[in-house]
Amino acid sequence: MDDEEPPSPPNPVFSCLDFLDLSPTSPSSEEDLCSTDEPVNKCFFQFEVGASSCPHPDKRDKGGEDAYFASADSRVVGIADGVGGWGDLGVDPSIYSNSLMRHAKDIVDKKGVTDPLDVLTHAYENTQDISGSSTACVVALEFDELATLNVGDSGFMVIRDGEIVHRTKEQQYSFNYPYQLGSGSQHTPSDGDLATIKTQEGDLVIIGSDGLFDNLFDSEIVDIVNEELLNGPQEIADQLTMRAYEASAQKTEATPFAVNARKNGFNYEGGKMDDITVLVCEVKRERMRL
């Protein structure tokens, strides 16, 4: 029935839990960290990362088809959304998205590469032997700038003082047919949307697969962030994931996906059931003596 209460969301499932380390890097000694009123030679920022993922109910047993990573120093993060259509061909879409994020994390942690285009190009080139495809988004924090790359309909927004100051645009061939990397795709990471954004302490970077942005309007995301602001990035990520899941189960309420479907000539109402993955990254100051 249309007025039936939506099912409760399952516990968050982390597609790449085996290689994630979301804890902020701690200074090695008191000499490394300066209070904000002490003179410093250079000021660094890092992310405090909260992550939450809820798979499509039909994909719950394998943890869904989204994947993500956070670098060991909490300065580079990424998300990938495996294209589900590969399942019809007998290919598990999660294998490609997980492999893409694993290689991205490896080059950041092992080689110190942080440029998003270099990171994603390395990952793309090292997954050529895997059948499948995926959208992808990588965000890196370098001093007081965000360097970003988005391919497809995953994406991110930057919220400062309760307002959106930057928002990615979807890259799509046509409605619900996003740019993607992988088998049979004509696109490479260099075709993605590159941006550099000045940031400051306290900014919140909300990175999500399309399961977030298809089910919650930007204004709803901002409202949830403001409601949970004092509870930190992890609680914000959990709440965004839960609320997006609840919206995805609705049959008649307006959602961004339904609005866009009607604009493109489709008679569609309600939410879009999908994998939902959210990273919430708060910009934190780390002042270092050199």
C-alpha atoms as a PDB file:
ATOM      1  CA  MET A   1       0.000   0.000   0.000  1.00  0.00           C
ATOM      2  CA  ASP A   2       1.187   3.515  -0.754  1.00  0.00           C
ATOM      3  CA  ASP A   3       0.740   4.705   2.802  1.00  0.00           C
ATOM      4  CA  GLU A   4       2.603   1.762   4.293  1.00  0.00           C
ATOM      5  CA  GLU A   5       5.535   2.686   6.532  1.00  0.00           C
ATOM      6  CA  PRO A   6       8.875   2.151   4.762  1.00  0.00           C
ATOM      7  CA  PRO A   7      11.005  -0.705   6.083  1.00  0.00           C
ATOM      8  CA  SER A   8      13.713   0.128   8.557  1.00  0.00           C
ATOM      9  CA  PRO A   9      17.128   0.502   6.907  1.00  0.00           C
ATOM     10  CA  PRO A  10      19.626  -2.279   7.542  1.00  0.00           C
ATOM     11  CA  ASN A  11      22.772  -1.624   9.506  1.00  0.00           C
ATOM     12  CA  PRO A  12      25.375   0.264   7.458  1.00  0.00           C
ATOM     13  CA  VAL A  13      27.523  -2.012   5.328  1.00  0.00           C
ATOM     14  CA  PHE A  14      31.023  -0.858   4.354  1.00  0.00           C
ATOM     15  CA  SER A  15      31.852  -2.216   0.911  1.00  0.00           C
ATOM     16  CA  CYS A  16      35.602  -1.871   1.475  1.00  0.00           C
ATOM     17  CA  LEU A  17      35.882  -2.254   5.227  1.00  0.00           C
ATOM     18  CA  ASP A  18      38.941  -4.481   4.932  1.00  0.00           C
ATOM     19  CA  PHE A  19      41.183  -1.606   3.871  1.00  0.00           C
ATOM     20  CA  LEU A  20      39.517   1.472   5.316  1.00  0.00           C
ATOM     21  CA  ASP A  21      41.018   3.584   8.066  1.00  0.00           C
ATOM     22  CA  LEU A  22      38.747   6.513   8.822  1.00  0.00           C
ATOM     23  CA  SER A  23      40.464   7.752  11.968  1.00  0.00           C
ATOM     24  CA  PRO A  24      42.177  11.154  11.677  1.00  0.00           C
ATOM     25  CA  THR A  25      45.949  11.090  11.736  1.00  0.00           C
ATOM     26  CA  SER A  26      47.327  11.959  15.172  1.00  0.00           C
ATOM     27  CA  PRO A  27      50.467  14.061  15.659  1.00  0.00           C
ATOM     28  CA  SER A  28      53.534  12.042  16.599  1.00  0.00           C
ATOM     29  CA  SER A  29      54.445  14.308  19.483  1.00  0.00           C
ATOM     30  CA  GLU A  30      53.469  17.504  21.237  1.00  0.00           C
ATOM     31  CA  GLU A  31      56.123  19.330  19.190  1.00  0.00           C
ATOM     32  CA  ASP A  32      54.230  18.451  15.995  1.00  0.00           C
ATOM     33  CA  LEU A  33      50.994  20.184  16.921  1.00  0.00           C
ATOM     34  CA  CYS A  34      50.690  23.913  17.637  1.00  0.00           C
ATOM     35  CA  SER A  35      47.826  25.737  19.268  1.00  0.00           C
ATOM     36  CA  THR A  36      46.091  28.246  17.038  1.00  0.00           C
ATOM     37  CA  ASP A  37      47.727  31.248  18.750  1.00  0.00           C
ATOM     38  CA  GLU A  38      51.316  30.046  18.278  1.00  0.00           C
ATOM     39  CA  PRO A  39      53.447  31.065  15.280  1.00  0.00           C
ATOM     40  CA  VAL A  40      53.665  28.428  12.581  1.00  0.00           C
ATOM     41  CA  ASN A  41      55.452  28.080   9.272  1.00  0.00           C
ATOM     42  CA  LYS A  42      52.637  26.344   7.466  1.00  0.00           C
ATOM     43  CA  CYS A  43      49.049  25.326   8.150  1.00  0.00           C
ATOM     44  CA  PHE A  44      47.698  21.949   7.072  1.00  0.00           C
ATOM     45  CA  PHE A  45      44.160  20.678   6.986  1.00  0.00           C
ATOM     46  CA  GLN A  46      42.828  17.166   7.114  1.00  0.00           C
ATOM     47  CA  PHE A  47      39.426  15.540   7.042  1.00  0.00           C
ATOM     48  CA  GLU A  48      37.509  14.025   9.896  1.00  0.00           C
ATOM     49  CA  VAL A  49      35.589  11.395   7.964  1.00  0.00           C
ATOM     50  CA  GLY A  50      32.243   9.782   8.679  1.00  0.00           C
ATOM     51  CA  ALA A  51      31.077   7.024   6.337  1.00  0.00           C
ATOM     52  CA  SER A  52      27.826   5.111   5.994  1.00  0.00           C
ATOM     53  CA  SER A  53      26.530   2.750   3.333  1.00  0.00           C
ATOM     54  CA  CYS A  54      23.195   1.004   2.910  1.00  0.00           C
ATOM     55  CA  PRO A  55      22.848  -1.488   0.030  1.00  0.00           C
ATOM     56  CA  HIS A  56      19.806  -2.030  -2.139  1.00  0.00           C
ATOM     57  CA  PRO A  57      17.702  -4.667  -0.332  1.00  0.00           C
ATOM     58  CA  ASP A  58      18.162  -7.104  -3.221  1.00  0.00           C
ATOM     59  CA  LYS A  59      21.953  -6.704  -2.980  1.00  0.00           C
ATOM     60  CA  ARG A  60      22.265  -6.790   0.787  1.00  0.00           C
ATOM     61  CA  ASP A  61      23.898 -10.235   0.934  1.00  0.00           C
ATOM     62  CA  LYS A  62      26.968  -9.001  -0.969  1.00  0.00           C
ATOM     63  CA  GLY A  63      27.022  -5.524   0.578  1.00  0.00           C
ATOM     64  CA  GLY A  64      25.818  -3.634  -2.483  1.00  0.00           C
ATOM     65  CA  GLU A  65      27.761  -2.338  -5.463  1.00  0.00           C
ATOM     66  CA  ASP A  66      29.110   0.952  -4.087  1.00  0.00           C
ATOM     67  CA  ALA A  67      32.667   1.265  -2.802  1.00  0.00           C
ATOM     68  CA  TYR A  68      34.764   3.987  -1.216  1.00  0.00           C
ATOM     69  CA  PHE A  69      38.093   4.745   0.438  1.00  0.00           C
ATOM     70  CA  ALA A  70      39.766   7.176   2.795  1.00  0.00           C
ATOM     71  CA  SER A  71      43.534   7.603   2.745  1.00  0.00           C
ATOM     72  CA  ALA A  72      45.593   6.798   5.817  1.00  0.00           C
ATOM     73  CA  ASP A  73      46.309  10.504   6.418  1.00  0.00           C
ATOM     74  CA  SER A  74      42.615  11.460   6.051  1.00  0.00           C
ATOM     75  CA  ARG A  75      43.288  13.884   3.199  1.00  0.00           C
ATOM     76  CA  VAL A  76      42.034  11.977   0.138  1.00  0.00           C
ATOM     77  CA  VAL A  77      38.678  10.212  -0.186  1.00  0.00           C
ATOM     78  CA  GLY A  78      36.755   8.633  -3.017  1.00  0.00           C
ATOM     79  CA  ILE A  79      33.539   6.875  -3.909  1.00  0.00           C
ATOM     80  CA  ALA A  80      32.535   4.588  -6.787  1.00  0.00           C
ATOM     81  CA  ASP A  81      29.135   3.257  -7.820  1.00  0.00           C
ATOM     82  CA  GLY A  82      29.242   0.012  -9.802  1.00  0.00           C
ATOM     83  CA  VAL A  83      26.856  -0.027 -12.772  1.00  0.00           C
ATOM     84  CA  GLY A  84      24.167  -2.555 -11.925  1.00  0.00           C
ATOM     85  CA  GLY A  85      23.359  -3.486 -15.520  1.00  0.00           C
ATOM     86  CA  TRP A  86      26.386  -5.769 -15.572  1.00  0.00           C
ATOM     87  CA  GLY A  87      24.460  -8.139 -13.318  1.00  0.00           C
ATOM     88  CA  ASP A  88      22.235  -9.020 -16.279  1.00  0.00           C
ATOM     89  CA  LEU A  89      25.360 -10.297 -18.048  1.00  0.00           C
ATOM     90  CA  GLY A  90      26.431 -12.449 -15.113  1.00  0.00           C
ATOM     91  CA  VAL A  91      29.079  -9.991 -13.915  1.00  0.00           C
ATOM     92  CA  ASP A  92      29.141  -8.804 -10.300  1.00  0.00           C
ATOM     93  CA  PRO A  93      29.276  -4.973 -10.585  1.00  0.00           C
ATOM     94  CA  SER A  94      30.802  -4.614  -7.114  1.00  0.00           C
ATOM     95  CA  ILE A  95      34.067  -6.235  -8.208  1.00  0.00           C
ATOM     96  CA  TYR A  96      34.946  -3.351 -10.526  1.00  0.00           C
ATOM     97  CA  SER A  97      33.960  -0.536  -8.150  1.00  0.00           C
ATOM     98  CA  ASN A  98      35.801  -2.131  -5.234  1.00  0.00           C
ATOM     99  CA  SER A  99      38.911  -2.731  -7.326  1.00  0.00           C
ATOM    100  CA  LEU A 100      38.848   0.856  -8.587  1.00  0.00           C
ATOM    101  CA  MET A 101      38.788   2.248  -5.052  1.00  0.00           C
ATOM    102  CA  ARG A 102      41.393  -0.223  -3.815  1.00  0.00           C
ATOM    103  CA  HIS A 103      43.902   0.878  -6.443  1.00  0.00           C
ATOM    104  CA  ALA A 104      43.077   4.528  -5.761  1.00  0.00           C
ATOM    105  CA  LYS A 105      43.813   4.097  -2.067  1.00  0.00           C
ATOM    106  CA  ASP A 106      47.008   2.165  -2.787  1.00  0.00           C
ATOM    107  CA  ILE A 107      48.627   4.901  -4.865  1.00  0.00           C
ATOM    108  CA  VAL A 108      47.739   7.558  -2.295  1.00  0.00           C
ATOM    109  CA  ASP A 109      49.016   5.616   0.707  1.00  0.00           C
ATOM    110  CA  LYS A 110      52.024   3.938  -0.898  1.00  0.00           C
ATOM    111  CA  LYS A 111      53.224   6.575  -3.381  1.00  0.00           C
ATOM    112  CA  GLY A 112      51.923   9.799  -1.838  1.00  0.00           C
ATOM    113  CA  VAL A 113      50.014  10.719  -5.014  1.00  0.00           C
ATOM    114  CA  THR A 114      47.151  13.087  -4.209  1.00  0.00           C
ATOM    115  CA  ASP A 115      46.114  14.738  -7.477  1.00  0.00           C
ATOM    116  CA  PRO A 116      42.613  13.290  -8.141  1.00  0.00           C
ATOM    117  CA  LEU A 117      43.205  12.865 -11.874  1.00  0.00           C
ATOM    118  CA  ASP A 118      46.460  10.981 -11.264  1.00  0.00           C
ATOM    119  CA  VAL A 119      44.828   8.886  -8.534  1.00  0.00           C
ATOM    120  CA  LEU A 120      41.834   7.886 -10.634  1.00  0.00           C
ATOM    121  CA  THR A 121      43.905   7.391 -13.796  1.00  0.00           C
ATOM    122  CA  HIS A 122      46.146   4.948 -11.930  1.00  0.00           C
ATOM    123  CA  ALA A 123      43.103   3.084 -10.615  1.00  0.00           C
ATOM    124  CA  TYR A 124      41.465   3.056 -14.050  1.00  0.00           C
ATOM    125  CA  GLU A 125      44.585   1.742 -15.791  1.00  0.00           C
ATOM    126  CA  ASN A 126      44.984  -1.033 -13.227  1.00  0.00           C
ATOM    127  CA  THR A 127      41.417  -2.322 -13.608  1.00  0.00           C
ATOM    128  CA  GLN A 128      41.412  -2.791 -17.387  1.00  0.00           C
ATOM    129  CA  ASP A 129      41.334  -6.571 -17.024  1.00  0.00           C
ATOM    130  CA  ILE A 130      38.132  -6.510 -14.935  1.00  0.00           C
ATOM    131  CA  SER A 131      34.702  -6.632 -16.544  1.00  0.00           C
ATOM    132  CA  GLY A 132      32.353  -3.935 -15.277  1.00  0.00           C
ATOM    133  CA  SER A 133      32.046  -0.170 -15.038  1.00  0.00           C
ATOM    134  CA  SER A 134      31.505   2.501 -12.433  1.00  0.00           C
ATOM    135  CA  THR A 135      31.006   6.171 -11.758  1.00  0.00           C
ATOM    136  CA  ALA A 136      33.648   7.746  -9.514  1.00  0.00           C
ATOM    137  CA  CYS A 137      34.390  10.808  -7.415  1.00  0.00           C
ATOM    138  CA  VAL A 138      37.721  11.686  -5.729  1.00  0.00           C
ATOM    139  CA  VAL A 139      38.296  14.640  -3.393  1.00  0.00           C
ATOM    140  CA  ALA A 140      41.749  15.631  -2.078  1.00  0.00           C
ATOM    141  CA  LEU A 141      42.596  18.229   0.545  1.00  0.00           C
ATOM    142  CA  GLU A 142      45.834  20.130  -0.154  1.00  0.00           C
ATOM    143  CA  PHE A 143      46.606  22.901   2.336  1.00  0.00           C
ATOM    144  CA  ASP A 144      43.525  25.161   2.010  1.00  0.00           C
ATOM    145  CA  GLU A 145      42.190  23.823  -1.304  1.00  0.00           C
ATOM    146  CA  LEU A 146      40.000  20.941  -2.394  1.00  0.00           C
ATOM    147  CA  ALA A 147      41.135  19.290  -5.612  1.00  0.00           C
ATOM    148  CA  THR A 148      38.258  17.255  -7.040  1.00  0.00           C
ATOM    149  CA  LEU A 149      37.329  14.971  -9.918  1.00  0.00           C
ATOM    150  CA  ASN A 150      33.857  13.618 -10.624  1.00  0.00           C
ATOM    151  CA  VAL A 151      32.857  11.171 -13.355  1.00  0.00           C
ATOM    152  CA  GLY A 152      29.155  10.407 -13.733  1.00  0.00           C
ATOM    153  CA  ASP A 153      26.301  10.901 -11.304  1.00  0.00           C
ATOM    154  CA  SER A 154      27.989  10.360  -7.977  1.00  0.00           C
ATOM    155  CA  GLY A 155      29.179  13.701  -6.643  1.00  0.00           C
ATOM    156  CA  PHE A 156      29.669  16.062  -3.735  1.00  0.00           C
ATOM    157  CA  MET A 157      28.681  19.373  -2.241  1.00  0.00           C
ATOM    158  CA  VAL A 158      30.539  21.737   0.081  1.00  0.00           C
ATOM    159  CA  ILE A 159      28.509  23.219   2.936  1.00  0.00           C
ATOM    160  CA  ARG A 160      29.835  26.268   4.799  1.00  0.00           C
ATOM    161  CA  ASP A 161      27.963  28.016   7.585  1.00  0.00           C
ATOM    162  CA  GLY A 162      24.814  26.091   6.741  1.00  0.00           C
ATOM    163  CA  GLU A 163      24.811  26.918   3.024  1.00  0.00           C
ATOM    164  CA  ILE A 164      25.967  25.170  -0.151  1.00  0.00           C
ATOM    165  CA  VAL A 165      28.998  26.926  -1.648  1.00  0.00           C
ATOM    166  CA  HIS A 166      29.793  24.289  -4.299  1.00  0.00           C
ATOM    167  CA  ARG A 167      27.828  21.472  -5.917  1.00  0.00           C
ATOM    168  CA  THR A 168      28.847  19.063  -8.680  1.00  0.00           C
ATOM    169  CA  LYS A 169      26.724  18.625 -11.781  1.00  0.00           C
ATOM    170  CA  GLU A 170      25.795  15.185 -13.036  1.00  0.00           C
ATOM    171  CA  GLN A 171      27.553  13.918 -16.147  1.00  0.00           C
ATOM    172  CA  GLN A 172      25.040  11.884 -18.151  1.00  0.00           C
ATOM    173  CA  TYR A 173      24.585  10.711 -21.739  1.00  0.00           C
ATOM    174  CA  SER A 174      20.858  10.917 -21.072  1.00  0.00           C
ATOM    175  CA  PHE A 175      18.511  10.560 -18.108  1.00  0.00           C
ATOM    176  CA  ASN A 176      19.713   7.822 -15.706  1.00  0.00           C
ATOM    177  CA  TYR A 177      22.576   6.903 -18.047  1.00  0.00           C
ATOM    178  CA  PRO A 178      25.712   8.396 -16.477  1.00  0.00           C
ATOM    179  CA  TYR A 179      29.254   8.735 -17.727  1.00  0.00           C
ATOM    180  CA  GLN A 180      31.243   5.781 -16.425  1.00  0.00           C
ATOM    181  CA  LEU A 181      34.671   4.206 -16.383  1.00  0.00           C
ATOM    182  CA  GLY A 182      35.346   0.617 -17.341  1.00  0.00           C
ATOM    183  CA  SER A 183      34.465  -2.011 -19.921  1.00  0.00           C
ATOM    184  CA  GLY A 184      32.861  -0.693 -23.076  1.00  0.00           C
ATOM    185  CA  SER A 185      32.921   2.913 -21.895  1.00  0.00           C
ATOM    186  CA  GLN A 186      34.227   5.644 -24.173  1.00  0.00           C
ATOM    187  CA  HIS A 187      35.241   7.779 -21.194  1.00  0.00           C
ATOM    188  CA  THR A 188      38.429   7.984 -19.143  1.00  0.00           C
ATOM    189  CA  PRO A 189      39.163   9.920 -15.938  1.00  0.00           C
ATOM    190  CA  SER A 190      40.310  12.917 -17.990  1.00  0.00           C
ATOM    191  CA  ASP A 191      36.707  13.321 -19.200  1.00  0.00           C
ATOM    192  CA  GLY A 192      35.526  13.937 -15.662  1.00  0.00           C
ATOM    193  CA  ASP A 193      34.672  17.279 -14.115  1.00  0.00           C
ATOM    194  CA  LEU A 194      37.804  18.751 -12.483  1.00  0.00           C
ATOM    195  CA  ALA A 195      37.528  21.564  -9.954  1.00  0.00           C
ATOM    196  CA  THR A 196      39.660  23.354  -7.365  1.00  0.00           C
ATOM    197  CA  ILE A 197      37.834  24.944  -4.444  1.00  0.00           C
ATOM    198  CA  LYS A 198      39.172  27.138  -1.670  1.00  0.00           C
ATOM    199  CA  THR A 199      38.193  25.696   1.685  1.00  0.00           C
ATOM    200  CA  GLN A 200      38.349  26.707   5.322  1.00  0.00           C
ATOM    201  CA  GLU A 201      38.124  25.122   8.729  1.00  0.00           C
ATOM    202  CA  GLY A 202      34.666  23.809   9.491  1.00  0.00           C
ATOM    203  CA  ASP A 203      33.616  23.196   5.880  1.00  0.00           C
ATOM    204  CA  LEU A 204      31.661  19.981   5.356  1.00  0.00           C
ATOM    205  CA  VAL A 205      32.161  18.010   2.157  1.00  0.00           C
ATOM    206  CA  ILE A 206      29.219  15.674   1.515  1.00  0.00           C
ATOM    207  CA  ILE A 207      30.171  12.979  -1.010  1.00  0.00           C
ATOM    208  CA  GLY A 208      27.559  10.511  -2.160  1.00  0.00           C
ATOM    209  CA  SER A 209      26.576   7.931  -4.716  1.00  0.00           C
ATOM    210  CA  ASP A 210      23.460   8.725  -6.732  1.00  0.00           C
ATOM    211  CA  GLY A 211      21.413   6.853  -4.138  1.00  0.00           C
ATOM    212  CA  LEU A 212      21.801   9.931  -1.941  1.00  0.00           C
ATOM    213  CA  PHE A 213      21.221  12.665  -4.506  1.00  0.00           C
ATOM    214  CA  ASP A 214      18.359  10.852  -6.309  1.00  0.00           C
ATOM    215  CA  ASN A 215      16.368  10.591  -3.093  1.00  0.00           C
ATOM    216  CA  LEU A 216      17.086  13.786  -1.142  1.00  0.00           C
ATOM    217  CA  PHE A 217      16.833  17.332  -2.457  1.00  0.00           C
ATOM    218  CA  ASP A 218      19.801  19.571  -1.754  1.00  0.00           C
ATOM    219  CA  SER A 219      17.717  21.570   0.718  1.00  0.00           C
ATOM    220  CA  GLU A 220      16.887  18.382   2.626  1.00  0.00           C
ATOM    221  CA  ILE A 221      20.564  17.433   2.802  1.00  0.00           C
ATOM    222  CA  VAL A 222      21.433  20.866   4.197  1.00  0.00           C
ATOM    223  CA  ASP A 223      18.632  20.627   6.777  1.00  0.00           C
ATOM    224  CA  ILE A 224      19.857  17.225   7.981  1.00  0.00           C
ATOM    225  CA  VAL A 225      23.447  18.456   8.157  1.00  0.00           C
ATOM    226  CA  ASN A 226      22.381  21.460  10.236  1.00  0.00           C
ATOM    227  CA  GLU A 227      20.269  19.264  12.533  1.00  0.00           C
ATOM    228  CA  GLU A 228      23.185  16.915  13.232  1.00  0.00           C
ATOM    229  CA  LEU A 229      26.049  19.400  13.021  1.00  0.00           C
ATOM    230  CA  LEU A 230      27.071  19.151  16.675  1.00  0.00           C
ATOM    231  CA  ASN A 231      27.062  15.344  16.549  1.00  0.00           C
ATOM    232  CA  GLY A 232      29.940  15.092  14.098  1.00  0.00           C
ATOM    233  CA  PRO A 233      30.560  13.630  10.633  1.00  0.00           C
ATOM    234  CA  GLN A 234      29.703  10.029  11.456  1.00  0.00           C
ATOM    235  CA  GLU A 235      26.258  10.858  12.817  1.00  0.00           C
ATOM    236  CA  ILE A 236      25.596  13.151   9.859  1.00  0.00           C
ATOM    237  CA  ALA A 237      26.562  10.358   7.440  1.00  0.00           C
ATOM    238  CA  ASP A 238      24.328   7.862   9.258  1.00  0.00           C
ATOM    239  CA  GLN A 239      21.361  10.228   9.240  1.00  0.00           C
ATOM    240  CA  LEU A 240      21.754  11.133   5.568  1.00  0.00           C
ATOM    241  CA  THR A 241      21.922   7.456   4.634  1.00  0.00           C
ATOM    242  CA  MET A 242      18.889   6.562   6.735  1.00  0.00           C
ATOM    243  CA  ARG A 243      16.799   9.457   5.441  1.00  0.00           C
ATOM    244  CA  ALA A 244      17.759   8.715   1.828  1.00  0.00           C
ATOM    245  CA  TYR A 245      16.772   5.083   2.353  1.00  0.00           C
ATOM    246  CA  GLU A 246      13.413   6.095   3.800  1.00  0.00           C
ATOM    247  CA  ALA A 247      12.795   8.382   0.815  1.00  0.00           C
ATOM    248  CA  SER A 248      13.780   5.624  -1.617  1.00  0.00           C
ATOM    249  CA  ALA A 249      10.990   3.420  -0.233  1.00  0.00           C
ATOM    250  CA  GLN A 250       8.274   6.050  -0.723  1.00  0.00           C
ATOM    251  CA  LYS A 251       5.810   5.429  -3.546  1.00  0.00           C
ATOM    252  CA  THR A 252       4.226   8.820  -4.114  1.00  0.00           C
ATOM    253  CA  GLU A 253       6.302  11.583  -2.515  1.00  0.00           C
ATOM    254  CA  ALA A 254       8.378  13.882  -4.689  1.00  0.00           C
ATOM    255  CA  THR A 255      12.074  13.063  -4.941  1.00  0.00           C
ATOM    256  CA  PRO A 256      14.811  14.478  -7.197  1.00  0.00           C
ATOM    257  CA  PHE A 257      14.725  11.275  -9.275  1.00  0.00           C
ATOM    258  CA  ALA A 258      10.969  11.497  -9.790  1.00  0.00           C
ATOM    259  CA  VAL A 259      11.154  15.190 -10.711  1.00  0.00           C
ATOM    260  CA  ASN A 260      13.918  14.555 -13.260  1.00  0.00           C
ATOM    261  CA  ALA A 261      12.109  11.504 -14.650  1.00  0.00           C
ATOM    262  CA  ARG A 262       8.999  13.575 -15.366  1.00  0.00           C
ATOM    263  CA  LYS A 263      11.116  16.304 -16.966  1.00  0.00           C
ATOM    264  CA  ASN A 264      12.414  13.635 -19.348  1.00  0.00           C
ATOM    265  CA  GLY A 265       8.996  12.272 -20.257  1.00  0.00           C
ATOM    266  CA  PHE A 266       8.706   9.379 -17.814  1.00  0.00           C
ATOM    267  CA  ASN A 267       5.644   8.880 -15.620  1.00  0.00           C
ATOM    268  CA  TYR A 268       7.379   8.192 -12.307  1.00  0.00           C
ATOM    269  CA  GLU A 269       6.576   8.939  -8.687  1.00  0.00           C
ATOM    270  CA  GLY A 270       8.312   8.289  -5.391  1.00  0.00           C
ATOM    271  CA  GLY A 271      11.864   7.354  -4.539  1.00  0.00           C
ATOM    272  CA  LYS A 272      14.483   5.281  -6.289  1.00  0.00           C
ATOM    273  CA  MET A 273      15.592   2.169  -4.441  1.00  0.00           C
ATOM    274  CA  ASP A 274      19.352   1.929  -4.815  1.00  0.00           C
ATOM    275  CA  ASP A 275      22.642   1.455  -3.004  1.00  0.00           C
ATOM    276  CA  ILE A 276      23.238   4.545  -0.859  1.00  0.00           C
ATOM    277  CA  THR A 277      26.728   5.566   0.238  1.00  0.00           C
ATOM    278  CA  VAL A 278      27.643   8.785   2.016  1.00  0.00           C
ATOM    279  CA  LEU A 279      30.989  10.232   3.126  1.00  0.00           C
ATOM    280  CA  VAL A 280      30.914  13.316   5.336  1.00  0.00           C
ATOM    281  CA  CYS A 281      34.281  15.051   5.566  1.00  0.00           C
ATOM    282  CA  GLU A 282      34.780  17.924   7.983  1.00  0.00           C
ATOM    283  CA  VAL A 283      37.782  20.154   7.312  1.00  0.00           C
ATOM    284  CA  LYS A 284      39.941  20.263  10.430  1.00  0.00           C
ATOM    285  CA  ARG A 285      42.979  22.417  11.108  1.00  0.00           C
ATOM    286  CA  GLU A 286      46.299  20.753  11.844  1.00  0.00           C
ATOM    287  CA  ARG A 287      48.935  23.367  12.541  1.00  0.00           C
ATOM    288  CA  MET A 288      52.470  22.081  12.208  1.00  0.00           C
ATOM    289  CA  ARG A 289      55.895  23.434  13.123  1.00  0.00           C
ATOM    290  CA  LEU A 290      58.433  22.827  10.387  1.00  0.00           C
END
